[in-house]
Amino acid sequence: MPAYLIYDVDIHDPEPYGQFMAQVKPLVEKMGGTYLVRGGAHEVLEGDWSPNRIVLFEFPDMDSARALFNSPDYAPLKALRQSCSTGKAVVVEGL
């Protein structure tokens, strides 16, 4: 069953975040993930959620999404991302 990893990211320093984006894409793909949304225009239709930048990945399953997030290869990239942005992440099982 596919799983979707959703980030709501607030970028504080675009230059290192750009470095993060360039480095993380090949790792996401290696771990079976596909980018579906990477920023772009969005509109809140209900509620008080104020997302900054939405990033959405599709993975083959929950374990694959978790494997990326917890992998030793991702650890330095996660530290880079956290040094220049803040955000929230959730993984959800699809249909």
PDB file of N, CA and C in Angstrom:
ATOM      1  N   MET A   1       0.843  -1.173   0.000  1.00  0.00           N
ATOM      2  CA  MET A   1       0.000   0.000   0.000  1.00  0.00           C
ATOM      3  C   MET A   1       0.895   1.246   0.000  1.00  0.00           C
ATOM      4  N   PRO A   2       0.676   2.197  -0.907  1.00  0.00           N
ATOM      5  CA  PRO A   2       1.542   3.382  -0.938  1.00  0.00           C
ATOM      6  C   PRO A   2       1.427   4.210   0.342  1.00  0.00           C
ATOM      7  N   ALA A   3       2.468   4.967   0.586  1.00  0.00           N
ATOM      8  CA  ALA A   3       2.489   5.883   1.727  1.00  0.00           C
ATOM      9  C   ALA A   3       2.943   7.243   1.229  1.00  0.00           C
ATOM     10  N   TYR A   4       2.485   8.275   1.898  1.00  0.00           N
ATOM     11  CA  TYR A   4       2.787   9.646   1.512  1.00  0.00           C
ATOM     12  C   TYR A   4       3.462  10.353   2.676  1.00  0.00           C
ATOM     13  N   LEU A   5       4.636  10.902   2.389  1.00  0.00           N
ATOM     14  CA  LEU A   5       5.389  11.675   3.368  1.00  0.00           C
ATOM     15  C   LEU A   5       5.132  13.141   3.053  1.00  0.00           C
ATOM     16  N   ILE A   6       4.608  13.866   4.019  1.00  0.00           N
ATOM     17  CA  ILE A   6       4.195  15.251   3.816  1.00  0.00           C
ATOM     18  C   ILE A   6       5.000  16.145   4.743  1.00  0.00           C
ATOM     19  N   TYR A   7       5.634  17.151   4.182  1.00  0.00           N
ATOM     20  CA  TYR A   7       6.368  18.160   4.943  1.00  0.00           C
ATOM     21  C   TYR A   7       5.686  19.503   4.787  1.00  0.00           C
ATOM     22  N   ASP A   8       5.654  20.250   5.851  1.00  0.00           N
ATOM     23  CA  ASP A   8       5.294  21.673   5.831  1.00  0.00           C
ATOM     24  C   ASP A   8       6.548  22.386   6.319  1.00  0.00           C
ATOM     25  N   VAL A   9       7.252  23.043   5.423  1.00  0.00           N
ATOM     26  CA  VAL A   9       8.582  23.582   5.700  1.00  0.00           C
ATOM     27  C   VAL A   9       8.576  25.101   5.651  1.00  0.00           C
ATOM     28  N   ASP A  10       9.240  25.710   6.627  1.00  0.00           N
ATOM     29  CA  ASP A  10       9.474  27.150   6.649  1.00  0.00           C
ATOM     30  C   ASP A  10      10.976  27.357   6.485  1.00  0.00           C
ATOM     31  N   ILE A  11      11.387  27.858   5.339  1.00  0.00           N
ATOM     32  CA  ILE A  11      12.804  28.029   5.015  1.00  0.00           C
ATOM     33  C   ILE A  11      13.299  29.365   5.571  1.00  0.00           C
ATOM     34  N   HIS A  12      14.356  29.287   6.392  1.00  0.00           N
ATOM     35  CA  HIS A  12      14.936  30.494   6.990  1.00  0.00           C
ATOM     36  C   HIS A  12      16.160  30.990   6.230  1.00  0.00           C
ATOM     37  N   ASP A  13      16.849  30.080   5.555  1.00  0.00           N
ATOM     38  CA  ASP A  13      18.066  30.418   4.825  1.00  0.00           C
ATOM     39  C   ASP A  13      18.064  29.647   3.505  1.00  0.00           C
ATOM     40  N   PRO A  14      17.663  30.305   2.412  1.00  0.00           N
ATOM     41  CA  PRO A  14      17.465  29.605   1.138  1.00  0.00           C
ATOM     42  C   PRO A  14      18.722  28.963   0.538  1.00  0.00           C
ATOM     43  N   GLU A  15      19.889  29.548   0.738  1.00  0.00           N
ATOM     44  CA  GLU A  15      21.088  28.997   0.096  1.00  0.00           C
ATOM     45  C   GLU A  15      21.405  27.579   0.581  1.00  0.00           C
ATOM     46  N   PRO A  16      21.558  27.353   1.896  1.00  0.00           N
ATOM     47  CA  PRO A  16      21.803  25.965   2.307  1.00  0.00           C
ATOM     48  C   PRO A  16      20.604  25.047   2.055  1.00  0.00           C
ATOM     49  N   TYR A  17      19.394  25.602   2.070  1.00  0.00           N
ATOM     50  CA  TYR A  17      18.238  24.761   1.766  1.00  0.00           C
ATOM     51  C   TYR A  17      18.305  24.280   0.318  1.00  0.00           C
ATOM     52  N   GLY A  18      18.784  25.140  -0.580  1.00  0.00           N
ATOM     53  CA  GLY A  18      18.981  24.727  -1.970  1.00  0.00           C
ATOM     54  C   GLY A  18      19.985  23.591  -2.080  1.00  0.00           C
ATOM     55  N   GLN A  19      21.037  23.640  -1.267  1.00  0.00           N
ATOM     56  CA  GLN A  19      22.016  22.554  -1.230  1.00  0.00           C
ATOM     57  C   GLN A  19      21.347  21.262  -0.747  1.00  0.00           C
ATOM     58  N   PHE A  20      20.516  21.386   0.271  1.00  0.00           N
ATOM     59  CA  PHE A  20      19.777  20.232   0.786  1.00  0.00           C
ATOM     60  C   PHE A  20      18.914  19.617  -0.315  1.00  0.00           C
ATOM     61  N   MET A  21      18.161  20.450  -1.019  1.00  0.00           N
ATOM     62  CA  MET A  21      17.259  19.940  -2.062  1.00  0.00           C
ATOM     63  C   MET A  21      18.031  19.190  -3.146  1.00  0.00           C
ATOM     64  N   ALA A  22      19.177  19.741  -3.562  1.00  0.00           N
ATOM     65  CA  ALA A  22      19.970  19.098  -4.606  1.00  0.00           C
ATOM     66  C   ALA A  22      20.503  17.736  -4.153  1.00  0.00           C
ATOM     67  N   GLN A  23      20.855  17.628  -2.880  1.00  0.00           N
ATOM     68  CA  GLN A  23      21.433  16.391  -2.366  1.00  0.00           C
ATOM     69  C   GLN A  23      20.391  15.348  -1.980  1.00  0.00           C
ATOM     70  N   VAL A  24      19.209  15.786  -1.573  1.00  0.00           N
ATOM     71  CA  VAL A  24      18.232  14.828  -1.059  1.00  0.00           C
ATOM     72  C   VAL A  24      17.467  14.114  -2.175  1.00  0.00           C
ATOM     73  N   LYS A  25      17.286  14.750  -3.305  1.00  0.00           N
ATOM     74  CA  LYS A  25      16.489  14.147  -4.385  1.00  0.00           C
ATOM     75  C   LYS A  25      17.006  12.767  -4.794  1.00  0.00           C
ATOM     76  N   PRO A  26      18.312  12.594  -5.057  1.00  0.00           N
ATOM     77  CA  PRO A  26      18.779  11.248  -5.424  1.00  0.00           C
ATOM     78  C   PRO A  26      18.557  10.210  -4.319  1.00  0.00           C
ATOM     79  N   LEU A  27      18.669  10.622  -3.063  1.00  0.00           N
ATOM     80  CA  LEU A  27      18.440   9.689  -1.961  1.00  0.00           C
ATOM     81  C   LEU A  27      16.968   9.293  -1.876  1.00  0.00           C
ATOM     82  N   VAL A  28      16.078  10.263  -2.048  1.00  0.00           N
ATOM     83  CA  VAL A  28      14.638   9.961  -2.057  1.00  0.00           C
ATOM     84  C   VAL A  28      14.349   8.920  -3.135  1.00  0.00           C
ATOM     85  N   GLU A  29      14.888   9.136  -4.331  1.00  0.00           N
ATOM     86  CA  GLU A  29      14.645   8.215  -5.440  1.00  0.00           C
ATOM     87  C   GLU A  29      15.264   6.843  -5.161  1.00  0.00           C
ATOM     88  N   LYS A  30      16.462   6.819  -4.580  1.00  0.00           N
ATOM     89  CA  LYS A  30      17.123   5.554  -4.240  1.00  0.00           C
ATOM     90  C   LYS A  30      16.283   4.745  -3.245  1.00  0.00           C
ATOM     91  N   MET A  31      15.584   5.443  -2.354  1.00  0.00           N
ATOM     92  CA  MET A  31      14.775   4.778  -1.336  1.00  0.00           C
ATOM     93  C   MET A  31      13.357   4.474  -1.831  1.00  0.00           C
ATOM     94  N   GLY A  32      13.103   4.674  -3.134  1.00  0.00           N
ATOM     95  CA  GLY A  32      11.815   4.319  -3.717  1.00  0.00           C
ATOM     96  C   GLY A  32      10.796   5.435  -3.716  1.00  0.00           C
ATOM     97  N   GLY A  33      11.216   6.653  -3.340  1.00  0.00           N
ATOM     98  CA  GLY A  33      10.291   7.775  -3.265  1.00  0.00           C
ATOM     99  C   GLY A  33      10.211   8.570  -4.551  1.00  0.00           C
ATOM    100  N   THR A  34       9.096   9.242  -4.711  1.00  0.00           N
ATOM    101  CA  THR A  34       8.854  10.115  -5.853  1.00  0.00           C
ATOM    102  C   THR A  34       8.282  11.428  -5.332  1.00  0.00           C
ATOM    103  N   TYR A  35       8.823  12.531  -5.829  1.00  0.00           N
ATOM    104  CA  TYR A  35       8.248  13.843  -5.487  1.00  0.00           C
ATOM    105  C   TYR A  35       6.928  14.012  -6.229  1.00  0.00           C
ATOM    106  N   LEU A  36       5.887  14.398  -5.515  1.00  0.00           N
ATOM    107  CA  LEU A  36       4.610  14.734  -6.136  1.00  0.00           C
ATOM    108  C   LEU A  36       4.366  16.235  -6.072  1.00  0.00           C
ATOM    109  N   VAL A  37       4.820  16.864  -4.992  1.00  0.00           N
ATOM    110  CA  VAL A  37       4.687  18.313  -4.803  1.00  0.00           C
ATOM    111  C   VAL A  37       5.980  18.802  -4.177  1.00  0.00           C
ATOM    112  N   ARG A  38       6.499  19.902  -4.691  1.00  0.00           N
ATOM    113  CA  ARG A  38       7.728  20.480  -4.146  1.00  0.00           C
ATOM    114  C   ARG A  38       7.564  21.995  -4.137  1.00  0.00           C
ATOM    115  N   GLY A  39       6.830  22.475  -3.149  1.00  0.00           N
ATOM    116  CA  GLY A  39       6.527  23.903  -3.091  1.00  0.00           C
ATOM    117  C   GLY A  39       5.349  24.206  -3.997  1.00  0.00           C
ATOM    118  N   GLY A  40       5.276  25.425  -4.450  1.00  0.00           N
ATOM    119  CA  GLY A  40       4.198  25.803  -5.356  1.00  0.00           C
ATOM    120  C   GLY A  40       3.053  26.481  -4.632  1.00  0.00           C
ATOM    121  N   ALA A  41       2.175  27.023  -5.422  1.00  0.00           N
ATOM    122  CA  ALA A  41       1.025  27.743  -4.872  1.00  0.00           C
ATOM    123  C   ALA A  41       0.107  26.773  -4.126  1.00  0.00           C
ATOM    124  N   HIS A  42      -0.436  27.248  -3.024  1.00  0.00           N
ATOM    125  CA  HIS A  42      -1.403  26.457  -2.275  1.00  0.00           C
ATOM    126  C   HIS A  42      -2.429  27.397  -1.651  1.00  0.00           C
ATOM    127  N   GLU A  43      -3.549  26.823  -1.269  1.00  0.00           N
ATOM    128  CA  GLU A  43      -4.645  27.605  -0.691  1.00  0.00           C
ATOM    129  C   GLU A  43      -5.309  26.787   0.410  1.00  0.00           C
ATOM    130  N   VAL A  44      -5.429  27.367   1.574  1.00  0.00           N
ATOM    131  CA  VAL A  44      -6.120  26.712   2.676  1.00  0.00           C
ATOM    132  C   VAL A  44      -7.622  26.890   2.448  1.00  0.00           C
ATOM    133  N   LEU A  45      -8.350  25.798   2.393  1.00  0.00           N
ATOM    134  CA  LEU A  45      -9.785  25.858   2.125  1.00  0.00           C
ATOM    135  C   LEU A  45     -10.623  25.802   3.391  1.00  0.00           C
ATOM    136  N   GLU A  46     -10.027  25.301   4.480  1.00  0.00           N
ATOM    137  CA  GLU A  46     -10.778  25.196   5.726  1.00  0.00           C
ATOM    138  C   GLU A  46      -9.793  25.119   6.887  1.00  0.00           C
ATOM    139  N   GLY A  47     -10.181  25.687   7.998  1.00  0.00           N
ATOM    140  CA  GLY A  47      -9.370  25.598   9.211  1.00  0.00           C
ATOM    141  C   GLY A  47      -8.345  26.709   9.313  1.00  0.00           C
ATOM    142  N   ASP A  48      -7.520  26.607  10.358  1.00  0.00           N
ATOM    143  CA  ASP A  48      -6.552  27.666  10.627  1.00  0.00           C
ATOM    144  C   ASP A  48      -5.121  27.242  10.326  1.00  0.00           C
ATOM    145  N   TRP A  49      -4.940  26.215   9.497  1.00  0.00           N
ATOM    146  CA  TRP A  49      -3.618  25.771   9.089  1.00  0.00           C
ATOM    147  C   TRP A  49      -2.999  26.831   8.196  1.00  0.00           C
ATOM    148  N   SER A  50      -1.757  27.186   8.453  1.00  0.00           N
ATOM    149  CA  SER A  50      -1.039  28.180   7.642  1.00  0.00           C
ATOM    150  C   SER A  50       0.263  27.565   7.138  1.00  0.00           C
ATOM    151  N   PRO A  51       0.187  26.665   6.181  1.00  0.00           N
ATOM    152  CA  PRO A  51       1.404  26.031   5.693  1.00  0.00           C
ATOM    153  C   PRO A  51       2.313  27.039   4.992  1.00  0.00           C
ATOM    154  N   ASN A  52       3.592  26.779   5.073  1.00  0.00           N
ATOM    155  CA  ASN A  52       4.578  27.635   4.410  1.00  0.00           C
ATOM    156  C   ASN A  52       4.929  27.090   3.032  1.00  0.00           C
ATOM    157  N   ARG A  53       5.508  25.914   3.018  1.00  0.00           N
ATOM    158  CA  ARG A  53       5.922  25.267   1.775  1.00  0.00           C
ATOM    159  C   ARG A  53       5.605  23.790   1.930  1.00  0.00           C
ATOM    160  N   ILE A  54       4.759  23.283   1.078  1.00  0.00           N
ATOM    161  CA  ILE A  54       4.342  21.884   1.150  1.00  0.00           C
ATOM    162  C   ILE A  54       5.226  21.047   0.218  1.00  0.00           C
ATOM    163  N   VAL A  55       5.744  19.958   0.762  1.00  0.00           N
ATOM    164  CA  VAL A  55       6.493  18.981  -0.030  1.00  0.00           C
ATOM    165  C   VAL A  55       5.821  17.634   0.211  1.00  0.00           C
ATOM    166  N   LEU A  56       5.517  16.930  -0.878  1.00  0.00           N
ATOM    167  CA  LEU A  56       4.786  15.669  -0.803  1.00  0.00           C
ATOM    168  C   LEU A  56       5.527  14.610  -1.609  1.00  0.00           C
ATOM    169  N   PHE A  57       5.792  13.482  -0.952  1.00  0.00           N
ATOM    170  CA  PHE A  57       6.453  12.350  -1.592  1.00  0.00           C
ATOM    171  C   PHE A  57       5.518  11.150  -1.574  1.00  0.00           C
ATOM    172  N   GLU A  58       5.641  10.315  -2.574  1.00  0.00           N
ATOM    173  CA  GLU A  58       4.970   9.015  -2.555  1.00  0.00           C
ATOM    174  C   GLU A  58       6.040   7.939  -2.421  1.00  0.00           C
ATOM    175  N   PHE A  59       5.801   6.984  -1.524  1.00  0.00           N
ATOM    176  CA  PHE A  59       6.679   5.839  -1.328  1.00  0.00           C
ATOM    177  C   PHE A  59       5.873   4.562  -1.525  1.00  0.00           C
ATOM    178  N   PRO A  60       6.551   3.451  -1.807  1.00  0.00           N
ATOM    179  CA  PRO A  60       5.822   2.192  -2.007  1.00  0.00           C
ATOM    180  C   PRO A  60       5.010   1.757  -0.788  1.00  0.00           C
ATOM    181  N   ASP A  61       5.500   2.111   0.415  1.00  0.00           N
ATOM    182  CA  ASP A  61       4.820   1.711   1.638  1.00  0.00           C
ATOM    183  C   ASP A  61       5.359   2.524   2.808  1.00  0.00           C
ATOM    184  N   MET A  62       4.747   2.356   3.972  1.00  0.00           N
ATOM    185  CA  MET A  62       5.157   3.104   5.169  1.00  0.00           C
ATOM    186  C   MET A  62       6.602   2.798   5.549  1.00  0.00           C
ATOM    187  N   ASP A  63       6.995   1.537   5.440  1.00  0.00           N
ATOM    188  CA  ASP A  63       8.360   1.167   5.810  1.00  0.00           C
ATOM    189  C   ASP A  63       9.395   1.882   4.950  1.00  0.00           C
ATOM    190  N   SER A  64       9.120   2.051   3.663  1.00  0.00           N
ATOM    191  CA  SER A  64      10.049   2.752   2.772  1.00  0.00           C
ATOM    192  C   SER A  64      10.190   4.219   3.160  1.00  0.00           C
ATOM    193  N   ALA A  65       9.088   4.842   3.509  1.00  0.00           N
ATOM    194  CA  ALA A  65       9.134   6.249   3.934  1.00  0.00           C
ATOM    195  C   ALA A  65       9.908   6.385   5.239  1.00  0.00           C
ATOM    196  N   ARG A  66       9.647   5.490   6.168  1.00  0.00           N
ATOM    197  CA  ARG A  66      10.382   5.511   7.443  1.00  0.00           C
ATOM    198  C   ARG A  66      11.859   5.236   7.227  1.00  0.00           C
ATOM    199  N   ALA A  67      12.173   4.329   6.304  1.00  0.00           N
ATOM    200  CA  ALA A  67      13.565   3.971   6.029  1.00  0.00           C
ATOM    201  C   ALA A  67      14.346   5.195   5.562  1.00  0.00           C
ATOM    202  N   LEU A  68      13.745   6.026   4.713  1.00  0.00           N
ATOM    203  CA  LEU A  68      14.419   7.253   4.296  1.00  0.00           C
ATOM    204  C   LEU A  68      14.647   8.149   5.506  1.00  0.00           C
ATOM    205  N   PHE A  69      13.609   8.428   6.227  1.00  0.00           N
ATOM    206  CA  PHE A  69      13.665   9.384   7.331  1.00  0.00           C
ATOM    207  C   PHE A  69      14.664   8.957   8.402  1.00  0.00           C
ATOM    208  N   ASN A  70      14.845   7.651   8.591  1.00  0.00           N
ATOM    209  CA  ASN A  70      15.717   7.137   9.646  1.00  0.00           C
ATOM    210  C   ASN A  70      17.057   6.612   9.144  1.00  0.00           C
ATOM    211  N   SER A  71      17.343   6.773   7.856  1.00  0.00           N
ATOM    212  CA  SER A  71      18.568   6.194   7.303  1.00  0.00           C
ATOM    213  C   SER A  71      19.809   6.992   7.704  1.00  0.00           C
ATOM    214  N   PRO A  72      20.935   6.300   7.851  1.00  0.00           N
ATOM    215  CA  PRO A  72      22.196   6.994   8.141  1.00  0.00           C
ATOM    216  C   PRO A  72      22.599   7.943   7.008  1.00  0.00           C
ATOM    217  N   ASP A  73      22.218   7.614   5.761  1.00  0.00           N
ATOM    218  CA  ASP A  73      22.532   8.492   4.634  1.00  0.00           C
ATOM    219  C   ASP A  73      21.762   9.805   4.713  1.00  0.00           C
ATOM    220  N   TYR A  74      20.568   9.763   5.305  1.00  0.00           N
ATOM    221  CA  TYR A  74      19.751  10.969   5.407  1.00  0.00           C
ATOM    222  C   TYR A  74      20.151  11.843   6.600  1.00  0.00           C
ATOM    223  N   ALA A  75      20.788  11.264   7.599  1.00  0.00           N
ATOM    224  CA  ALA A  75      21.105  12.000   8.835  1.00  0.00           C
ATOM    225  C   ALA A  75      21.841  13.323   8.587  1.00  0.00           C
ATOM    226  N   PRO A  76      22.905  13.362   7.772  1.00  0.00           N
ATOM    227  CA  PRO A  76      23.565  14.655   7.551  1.00  0.00           C
ATOM    228  C   PRO A  76      22.697  15.636   6.761  1.00  0.00           C
ATOM    229  N   LEU A  77      21.862  15.104   5.882  1.00  0.00           N
ATOM    230  CA  LEU A  77      20.963  15.970   5.120  1.00  0.00           C
ATOM    231  C   LEU A  77      19.866  16.527   6.022  1.00  0.00           C
ATOM    232  N   LYS A  78      19.395  15.695   6.935  1.00  0.00           N
ATOM    233  CA  LYS A  78      18.398  16.152   7.903  1.00  0.00           C
ATOM    234  C   LYS A  78      18.976  17.271   8.767  1.00  0.00           C
ATOM    235  N   ALA A  79      20.233  17.113   9.195  1.00  0.00           N
ATOM    236  CA  ALA A  79      20.893  18.156   9.993  1.00  0.00           C
ATOM    237  C   ALA A  79      21.027  19.442   9.178  1.00  0.00           C
ATOM    238  N   LEU A  80      21.365  19.323   7.902  1.00  0.00           N
ATOM    239  CA  LEU A  80      21.463  20.500   7.037  1.00  0.00           C
ATOM    240  C   LEU A  80      20.097  21.170   6.909  1.00  0.00           C
ATOM    241  N   ARG A  81      19.067  20.360   6.668  1.00  0.00           N
ATOM    242  CA  ARG A  81      17.706  20.918   6.544  1.00  0.00           C
ATOM    243  C   ARG A  81      17.292  21.631   7.822  1.00  0.00           C
ATOM    244  N   GLN A  82      17.569  21.013   8.953  1.00  0.00           N
ATOM    245  CA  GLN A  82      17.174  21.608  10.231  1.00  0.00           C
ATOM    246  C   GLN A  82      17.985  22.855  10.576  1.00  0.00           C
ATOM    247  N   SER A  83      19.157  23.009   9.972  1.00  0.00           N
ATOM    248  CA  SER A  83      19.968  24.198  10.226  1.00  0.00           C
ATOM    249  C   SER A  83      19.444  25.435   9.500  1.00  0.00           C
ATOM    250  N   CYS A  84      18.628  25.224   8.475  1.00  0.00           N
ATOM    251  CA  CYS A  84      18.184  26.350   7.662  1.00  0.00           C
ATOM    252  C   CYS A  84      16.668  26.427   7.509  1.00  0.00           C
ATOM    253  N   SER A  85      15.947  25.535   8.193  1.00  0.00           N
ATOM    254  CA  SER A  85      14.489  25.541   8.088  1.00  0.00           C
ATOM    255  C   SER A  85      13.890  24.884   9.326  1.00  0.00           C
ATOM    256  N   THR A  86      12.600  25.105   9.494  1.00  0.00           N
ATOM    257  CA  THR A  86      11.838  24.381  10.504  1.00  0.00           C
ATOM    258  C   THR A  86      10.626  23.801   9.794  1.00  0.00           C
ATOM    259  N   GLY A  87      10.064  22.786  10.367  1.00  0.00           N
ATOM    260  CA  GLY A  87       8.912  22.204   9.700  1.00  0.00           C
ATOM    261  C   GLY A  87       8.285  21.095  10.502  1.00  0.00           C
ATOM    262  N   LYS A  88       7.304  20.517   9.853  1.00  0.00           N
ATOM    263  CA  LYS A  88       6.561  19.390  10.405  1.00  0.00           C
ATOM    264  C   LYS A  88       6.494  18.325   9.328  1.00  0.00           C
ATOM    265  N   ALA A  89       6.535  17.080   9.765  1.00  0.00           N
ATOM    266  CA  ALA A  89       6.470  15.971   8.809  1.00  0.00           C
ATOM    267  C   ALA A  89       5.497  14.933   9.326  1.00  0.00           C
ATOM    268  N   VAL A  90       4.800  14.309   8.405  1.00  0.00           N
ATOM    269  CA  VAL A  90       3.887  13.232   8.732  1.00  0.00           C
ATOM    270  C   VAL A  90       3.925  12.227   7.582  1.00  0.00           C
ATOM    271  N   VAL A  91       3.792  10.958   7.929  1.00  0.00           N
ATOM    272  CA  VAL A  91       3.658   9.928   6.899  1.00  0.00           C
ATOM    273  C   VAL A  91       2.277   9.313   7.075  1.00  0.00           C
ATOM    274  N   VAL A  92       1.599   9.105   5.961  1.00  0.00           N
ATOM    275  CA  VAL A  92       0.241   8.591   6.003  1.00  0.00           C
ATOM    276  C   VAL A  92       0.108   7.487   4.968  1.00  0.00           C
ATOM    277  N   GLU A  93      -0.606   6.428   5.348  1.00  0.00           N
ATOM    278  CA  GLU A  93      -0.851   5.320   4.455  1.00  0.00           C
ATOM    279  C   GLU A  93      -1.896   5.706   3.425  1.00  0.00           C
ATOM    280  N   GLY A  94      -1.650   5.338   2.177  1.00  0.00           N
ATOM    281  CA  GLY A  94      -2.580   5.667   1.100  1.00  0.00           C
ATOM    282  C   GLY A  94      -3.521   4.526   0.769  1.00  0.00           C
ATOM    283  N   LEU A  95      -4.146   4.648  -0.352  1.00  0.00           N
ATOM    284  CA  LEU A  95      -5.096   3.627  -0.829  1.00  0.00           C
ATOM    285  C   LEU A  95      -4.489   2.799  -1.931  1.00  0.00           C
TER     286      LEU A  95
END
